[in-house]
Protein backbone atom coordinates (compact mmCIF):
# COMPACT_ATOMS: atom_id res chain seq x y z
CA UNK A 1 20.39 6.72 9.83
CA UNK A 2 20.64 4.43 12.52
CA UNK A 3 19.97 6.29 15.99
CA UNK A 4 18.23 3.75 18.43
CA UNK A 5 16.98 0.03 18.54
CA UNK A 6 15.03 -1.51 15.53
CA UNK A 7 11.98 -1.46 17.69
CA UNK A 8 10.40 -0.84 20.64
CA UNK A 9 8.15 -2.63 23.12
CA UNK A 10 5.41 -1.21 26.28
CA UNK A 11 3.99 -4.06 28.01
CA UNK A 12 0.66 -3.62 29.92
CA UNK A 13 -2.52 -5.37 31.41
CA UNK A 14 -4.74 -5.20 28.46
CA UNK A 15 -5.73 -7.94 26.08
CA UNK A 16 -4.99 -5.54 22.71
CA UNK A 17 -1.80 -4.52 21.26
CA UNK A 18 -1.36 -1.80 19.03
CA UNK A 19 1.66 -1.81 16.47
CA UNK A 20 3.07 0.52 13.87
CA UNK A 21 5.61 -1.37 12.22
CA UNK A 22 5.89 0.88 9.10
CA UNK A 23 6.39 3.85 11.20
CA UNK A 24 10.16 4.12 11.27
CA UNK A 25 12.42 5.85 8.69
CA UNK A 26 15.95 4.99 10.47
CA UNK A 27 18.32 2.86 8.52
CA UNK A 28 21.83 0.89 9.25
CA UNK A 29 24.71 3.08 7.82
CA UNK A 30 25.30 0.04 5.72
CA UNK A 31 21.84 0.44 4.05
CA UNK A 32 21.69 3.82 3.91
CA UNK A 33 25.24 3.91 1.87
CA UNK A 34 23.92 1.52 -0.78
CA UNK A 35 19.90 2.81 -1.06
CA UNK A 36 19.15 4.77 -4.58
CA UNK A 37 15.81 6.13 -3.22
CA UNK A 38 15.68 9.45 -1.49
CA UNK A 39 14.70 10.29 1.57
CA UNK A 40 11.52 12.09 0.31
CA UNK A 41 10.48 8.83 -1.44
CA UNK A 42 11.17 6.59 1.48
CA UNK A 43 9.23 9.09 3.81
CA UNK A 44 6.34 9.10 1.10
CA UNK A 45 6.05 5.29 1.21
CA UNK A 46 6.48 4.77 4.88
CA UNK A 47 3.77 5.12 7.60
CA UNK A 48 4.86 8.20 9.25
CA UNK A 49 3.12 9.23 12.30
CA UNK A 50 0.85 6.34 12.78
CA UNK A 51 3.11 5.42 16.16
CA UNK A 52 1.18 8.43 17.70
CA UNK A 53 -1.90 6.27 17.83
CA UNK A 54 -0.54 3.53 19.74
CA UNK A 55 -1.07 4.77 23.18
CA UNK A 56 -4.73 4.11 22.75
CA UNK A 57 -3.83 1.04 24.61
CA UNK A 58 -1.06 -0.24 27.08
CA UNK A 59 0.45 -3.12 24.96
CA UNK A 60 2.41 -0.81 22.07
CA UNK A 61 5.07 -2.07 19.47
CA UNK A 62 6.55 0.45 17.24
CA UNK A 63 8.86 0.04 14.76
CA UNK A 64 11.64 2.66 14.21
CA UNK A 65 13.59 0.87 11.10
CA UNK A 66 12.37 1.82 7.30
CA UNK A 67 10.35 -0.63 5.62
CA UNK A 68 13.17 -0.05 2.87
CA UNK A 69 15.71 -1.41 5.21
CA UNK A 70 13.71 -4.55 6.31
CA UNK A 71 9.67 -4.89 5.60
CA UNK A 72 7.88 -6.49 8.65
CA UNK A 73 4.35 -6.43 6.72
CA UNK A 74 5.93 -9.32 3.88
CA UNK A 75 6.71 -12.87 4.30
CA UNK A 76 10.73 -13.40 4.77
CA UNK A 77 11.14 -13.86 1.25
CA UNK A 78 10.08 -10.53 0.25
CA UNK A 79 11.09 -8.85 3.29
CA UNK A 80 14.36 -6.94 1.50
CA UNK A 81 13.11 -5.33 -1.56
CA UNK A 82 15.31 -6.50 -4.25
CA UNK A 83 13.19 -5.22 -7.39
CA UNK A 84 11.34 -2.12 -8.02
CA UNK A 85 8.07 -3.75 -8.50
CA UNK A 86 8.79 -4.85 -4.91
CA UNK A 87 9.02 -1.06 -3.71
CA UNK A 88 6.32 1.19 -5.67
CA UNK A 89 8.51 0.95 -8.60
CA UNK A 90 11.34 2.71 -6.82
CA UNK A 91 14.69 1.81 -7.68
CA UNK A 92 15.90 1.23 -4.26
CA UNK A 93 19.65 0.33 -4.52
CA UNK A 94 22.39 1.62 -6.18
CA UNK A 95 24.04 -1.70 -5.91
CA UNK A 96 22.58 -5.03 -4.98
CA UNK A 97 22.84 -5.65 -1.05
CA UNK A 98 25.32 -8.64 -0.53
CA UNK A 99 25.02 -11.32 2.09
CA UNK A 100 26.19 -9.45 4.73
CA UNK A 101 23.44 -6.78 4.27
CA UNK A 102 20.63 -9.09 3.63
CA UNK A 103 21.48 -11.42 6.58
CA UNK A 104 21.90 -8.40 8.91
CA UNK A 105 18.24 -7.15 7.63
CA UNK A 106 16.62 -10.57 8.24
CA UNK A 107 17.98 -11.06 11.59
CA UNK A 108 15.81 -8.05 12.59
CA UNK A 109 13.04 -9.68 10.62
CA UNK A 110 13.16 -12.96 12.64
CA UNK A 111 14.05 -11.21 16.05
CA UNK A 112 11.06 -9.03 15.60
CA UNK A 113 8.72 -12.09 15.11
CA UNK A 114 10.51 -14.03 17.69
CA UNK A 115 9.52 -11.18 20.19
CA UNK A 116 6.17 -10.59 18.64
CA UNK A 117 5.46 -14.52 19.21
CA UNK A 118 6.12 -14.07 22.70
CA UNK A 119 4.25 -11.22 23.48
CA UNK A 120 1.54 -12.93 21.80
CA UNK A 121 1.57 -15.94 23.52
CA UNK A 122 1.53 -14.14 26.80
CA UNK A 123 -1.51 -12.43 26.02
CA UNK A 124 -2.88 -15.60 24.93
CA UNK A 125 -2.09 -17.19 28.28
CA UNK A 126 -3.00 -14.22 30.05
CA UNK A 127 -6.65 -13.48 28.38
CA UNK A 128 -7.59 -16.34 26.55
CA UNK A 129 -8.15 -14.05 23.36
CA UNK A 130 -6.25 -10.95 22.04
CA UNK A 131 -6.80 -8.27 19.51
CA UNK A 132 -3.82 -6.69 17.41
CA UNK A 133 -4.47 -3.31 16.02
CA UNK A 134 -2.11 -3.35 12.89
CA UNK A 135 -2.05 0.51 12.17
CA UNK A 136 -1.08 1.65 8.83
CA UNK A 137 -1.37 4.51 6.19
CA UNK A 138 -1.84 5.11 2.41
CA UNK A 139 -1.47 7.50 -0.06
CA UNK A 140 -4.23 8.72 -2.42
CA UNK A 141 -2.53 11.56 -4.43
CA UNK A 142 -0.16 8.86 -6.33
CA UNK A 143 -0.26 11.09 -9.23
CA UNK A 144 1.52 14.36 -8.04
CA UNK A 145 1.17 17.13 -5.12
CA UNK A 146 -1.17 19.05 -7.35
CA UNK A 147 -3.23 16.37 -9.05
CA UNK A 148 -7.03 15.30 -7.66
CA UNK A 149 -7.15 12.98 -4.95
CA UNK A 150 -7.51 9.26 -6.16
CA UNK A 151 -11.28 8.48 -6.34
CA UNK A 152 -13.01 8.29 -2.40
CA UNK A 153 -15.33 5.50 -4.03
CA UNK A 154 -12.08 3.18 -3.99
CA UNK A 155 -10.20 5.28 -1.05
CA UNK A 156 -11.67 4.95 1.89
CA UNK A 157 -10.75 6.99 4.63
CA UNK A 158 -9.94 4.07 6.74
CA UNK A 159 -9.80 0.75 5.39
CA UNK A 160 -10.18 -2.43 7.35
CA UNK A 161 -8.34 -5.44 6.09
CA UNK A 162 -9.90 -8.37 7.32
CA UNK A 163 -8.89 -10.96 4.37
CA UNK A 164 -6.91 -13.32 6.26
CA UNK A 165 -9.52 -13.73 9.04
CA UNK A 166 -12.07 -16.18 9.95
CA UNK A 167 -15.02 -13.87 9.97
CA UNK A 168 -17.18 -16.45 11.28
CA UNK A 169 -15.59 -16.41 14.28
CA UNK A 170 -14.38 -12.63 14.75
CA UNK A 171 -17.34 -10.90 12.85
CA UNK A 172 -19.18 -9.48 15.41
CA UNK A 173 -15.63 -7.96 16.84
CA UNK A 174 -15.09 -6.20 13.39
CA UNK A 175 -18.50 -4.85 12.95
CA UNK A 176 -18.40 -3.42 16.51
CA UNK A 177 -14.88 -1.94 15.87
CA UNK A 178 -15.86 -0.20 12.32
CA UNK A 179 -19.26 1.02 13.73
CA UNK A 180 -17.02 2.79 16.86
CA UNK A 181 -14.75 4.16 14.10
CA UNK A 182 -17.27 5.38 12.09
CA UNK A 183 -19.58 6.56 14.87
CA UNK A 184 -17.44 8.98 16.51
CA UNK A 185 -17.20 12.50 15.66
CA UNK A 186 -14.03 13.35 13.38
CA UNK A 187 -13.49 17.37 12.71
CA UNK A 188 -17.00 17.97 12.09
CA UNK A 189 -18.53 14.81 10.42
CA UNK A 190 -17.70 10.91 10.48
CA UNK A 191 -15.10 9.15 8.77
CA UNK A 192 -15.84 6.86 5.55
CA UNK A 193 -14.78 3.34 6.95
CA UNK A 194 -15.07 0.13 4.78
CA UNK A 195 -13.83 -3.40 4.84
CA UNK A 196 -10.98 -4.81 2.17
CA UNK A 197 -11.63 -2.07 -0.54
CA UNK A 198 -7.79 -0.85 -0.96
CA UNK A 199 -6.20 -3.32 1.30
CA UNK A 200 -6.99 -6.63 2.59
CA UNK A 201 -4.16 -7.12 5.14
CA UNK A 202 -0.45 -7.61 4.80
CA UNK A 203 1.76 -10.63 6.56
CA UNK A 204 1.69 -9.65 10.12
CA UNK A 205 -1.98 -9.97 10.37
CA UNK A 206 -2.14 -13.23 8.37
CA UNK A 207 0.71 -14.28 10.65
CA UNK A 208 -1.25 -13.75 13.31
CA UNK A 209 -4.42 -15.46 11.99
CA UNK A 210 -2.11 -18.63 11.10
CA UNK A 211 -0.50 -18.61 14.60
CA UNK A 212 -3.19 -17.98 16.78
CA UNK A 213 -6.60 -19.21 14.63
CA UNK A 214 -8.97 -19.28 17.59
CA UNK A 215 -7.45 -16.70 19.92
CA UNK A 216 -5.87 -13.97 18.02
CA UNK A 217 -7.54 -11.37 16.13
CA UNK A 218 -5.66 -8.94 14.08
CA UNK A 219 -7.53 -5.80 12.36
CA UNK A 220 -5.04 -4.26 9.71
CA UNK A 221 -5.93 -0.86 9.72
CA UNK A 222 -5.22 1.34 6.93
CA UNK A 223 -5.53 5.59 7.37
CA UNK A 224 -5.84 7.73 4.33
CA UNK A 225 -3.26 10.17 4.55
CA UNK A 226 -5.57 12.66 5.56
CA UNK A 227 -3.71 13.69 8.28
CA UNK A 228 -0.46 14.89 6.30
CA UNK A 229 0.93 16.07 3.01
CA UNK A 230 1.89 12.83 1.52
CA UNK A 231 4.26 15.08 -0.88
CA UNK A 232 5.81 17.54 2.00
CA UNK A 233 5.60 15.18 4.69
CA UNK A 234 3.90 17.89 6.93
CA UNK A 235 1.70 16.67 9.43
CA UNK A 236 -1.81 18.03 10.17
CA UNK A 237 -1.85 17.92 13.96
CA UNK A 238 -5.30 18.82 14.30
CA UNK A 239 -6.23 15.60 12.37
CA UNK A 240 -3.78 13.70 14.27
CA UNK A 241 -4.77 13.96 17.66
CA UNK A 242 -8.47 13.74 16.42
CA UNK A 243 -7.62 10.12 14.63
CA UNK A 244 -6.46 9.43 18.29
CA UNK A 245 -9.71 9.80 19.97
CA UNK A 246 -11.40 8.08 17.19
CA UNK A 247 -9.11 4.75 17.76
CA UNK A 248 -9.31 5.57 21.32
CA UNK A 249 -13.32 5.60 21.60
CA UNK A 250 -13.02 1.78 20.24
CA UNK A 251 -11.31 0.20 23.13
CA UNK A 252 -14.14 -0.12 25.23
CA UNK A 253 -16.20 -1.86 22.72
CA UNK A 254 -13.25 -4.15 21.61
CA UNK A 255 -12.65 -5.21 25.34
CA UNK A 256 -16.43 -6.21 25.35
CA UNK A 257 -15.86 -8.15 22.39
CA UNK A 258 -13.26 -10.07 23.83
CA UNK A 259 -14.47 -10.66 26.92
CA UNK A 260 -17.95 -12.05 25.28
CA UNK A 261 -20.03 -9.25 26.81
CA UNK A 262 -20.01 -6.73 23.81
C-alpha cells in the first residue's frame, strides 16, 4: 500500500547520480484494490534492495512505488501495464483501470521526469558532464525455485546496457567502469561483467541520451539476483554489502573520466 512519497531524492555535489527506479513495492490504495497479481509475484519482478547500492554517491534517487503501478523505465504510453505481455506474462488487473487511476499513475510519471530533468539540468550546469548509474536487477531462475539457473553464458552477473549511448563519446568511461567492476574482488572471486548481453538499457537511459546527448551518460546496470533468492524474496546480506563495495570502487575512475583525466 501507499505509505510514503512516490520517490525520494538526496542531493550532493558530485557529477554522478545513482537511481533505483524499480526498487519500490508501494501502491496507491485504489491500485492495490484492482491488482490481480500477487504481492509475491510483484516482488519477484521488481528490483528489491537495489536502493541499498545508491549511497555510493551523494546524488540519490530512489523510487518507492511499484513498477506495477507505473513503470518509469518504459515510454509514457507503456508506463502502465495493460496486457500480460507488458508484464512478464502475468495477469495484472482484476478489471481494467479507469481513466482516473490511469491519469493519477501517469501524473507520477510526469512528475518524476520533470524532477529528473531539473536534477540533470543542475548537474550539467555545475559540471558540464554527468553520469547516471541506473541500478536494476534481474531474475535467473525463471522456470522455478528448484530448477537449474539460467545459462550463465547468456546471463552475466552484471550486464551493462549501453544500447542508446554514443559509444564513440563515452566508450572510455564505459570501459573503465566495467573494468573496475570486474577487477574488484567479490566473495573470493570476480564478477562476470559484460555489455548488452541480456539488456541494452531501458527508457530512463535512452531519455538521458536523447535529452543530454553531449553531456549525459547513463549506464543501465543489471545485476543478476545473486544477492537474494528471487522466489522467496530473502536477501543475502553479505552479497548485498559486497556489491555495494564493488560499485563504490568504481567512483574514483568515473570521476576521473568525467573530468577528462581518467
